[in-house]
Amino acid sequence: MENLKQEAINAISKLPDSADIDEIMYRLYVIDKVRKGREAVEQGDTISIEELKREIESR
């Protein structure tokens, strides 16, 4: 896996030259959320589908 800095540089470099700061920030936000999700899975910090359904239905 790439280090965070290189991953951010690569993601930004793929954006069009017309990208504004909001698009850049969103791309970085998504990278952060995906990385945190992967880390959670690696640590076993997940819930079952049944638990997720109960959580959604209780809202």
Protein backbone atom coordinates (compact mmCIF):
# COMPACT_ATOMS: atom_id res chain seq x y z
CA MET A 1 0.00 0.00 0.00
CA GLU A 2 1.21 3.48 -0.81
CA ASN A 3 2.06 5.84 1.98
CA LEU A 4 -0.58 8.46 2.63
CA LYS A 5 1.35 11.36 1.13
CA GLN A 6 1.99 9.52 -2.14
CA GLU A 7 -1.62 8.33 -2.32
CA ALA A 8 -2.84 11.93 -1.90
CA ILE A 9 -0.41 13.21 -4.55
CA ASN A 10 -1.52 10.52 -6.99
CA ALA A 11 -5.21 11.21 -6.39
CA ILE A 12 -4.80 14.95 -6.84
CA SER A 13 -2.69 14.54 -9.97
CA LYS A 14 -5.52 12.56 -11.58
CA LEU A 15 -8.00 15.41 -11.09
CA PRO A 16 -8.55 17.78 -14.01
CA ASP A 17 -6.64 21.07 -13.97
CA SER A 18 -9.99 22.79 -13.49
CA ALA A 19 -10.61 21.02 -10.15
CA ASP A 20 -11.44 23.38 -7.34
CA ILE A 21 -10.49 23.12 -3.68
CA ASP A 22 -13.78 21.40 -2.81
CA GLU A 23 -13.08 18.59 -5.28
CA ILE A 24 -9.56 18.18 -3.93
CA MET A 25 -10.76 18.13 -0.32
CA TYR A 26 -13.49 15.61 -1.17
CA ARG A 27 -10.97 13.30 -2.83
CA LEU A 28 -8.74 13.48 0.25
CA TYR A 29 -11.77 12.88 2.50
CA VAL A 30 -12.64 9.72 0.56
CA ILE A 31 -9.06 8.46 0.77
CA ASP A 32 -9.14 9.00 4.54
CA LYS A 33 -12.44 7.15 4.98
CA VAL A 34 -11.34 4.19 2.83
CA ARG A 35 -8.05 3.90 4.74
CA LYS A 36 -9.85 4.02 8.10
CA GLY A 37 -12.34 1.41 6.88
CA ARG A 38 -9.56 -0.92 5.80
CA GLU A 39 -7.81 -0.48 9.15
CA ALA A 40 -11.05 -1.27 10.99
CA VAL A 41 -11.52 -4.46 8.99
CA GLU A 42 -7.92 -5.51 9.63
CA GLN A 43 -8.49 -5.01 13.37
CA GLY A 44 -11.75 -6.96 13.27
CA ASP A 45 -13.77 -3.87 14.16
CA THR A 46 -16.84 -4.80 12.13
CA ILE A 47 -20.47 -5.66 12.72
CA SER A 48 -22.65 -8.36 11.17
CA ILE A 49 -25.29 -7.67 8.54
CA GLU A 50 -27.97 -8.48 11.11
CA GLU A 51 -26.56 -5.88 13.52
CA LEU A 52 -26.46 -3.31 10.74
CA LYS A 53 -30.09 -4.02 9.80
CA ARG A 54 -31.19 -3.62 13.43
CA GLU A 55 -29.28 -0.35 13.67
CA ILE A 56 -30.88 1.01 10.49
CA GLU A 57 -34.39 -0.11 11.51
CA SER A 58 -34.09 1.51 14.94
CA ARG A 59 -33.59 4.94 13.42
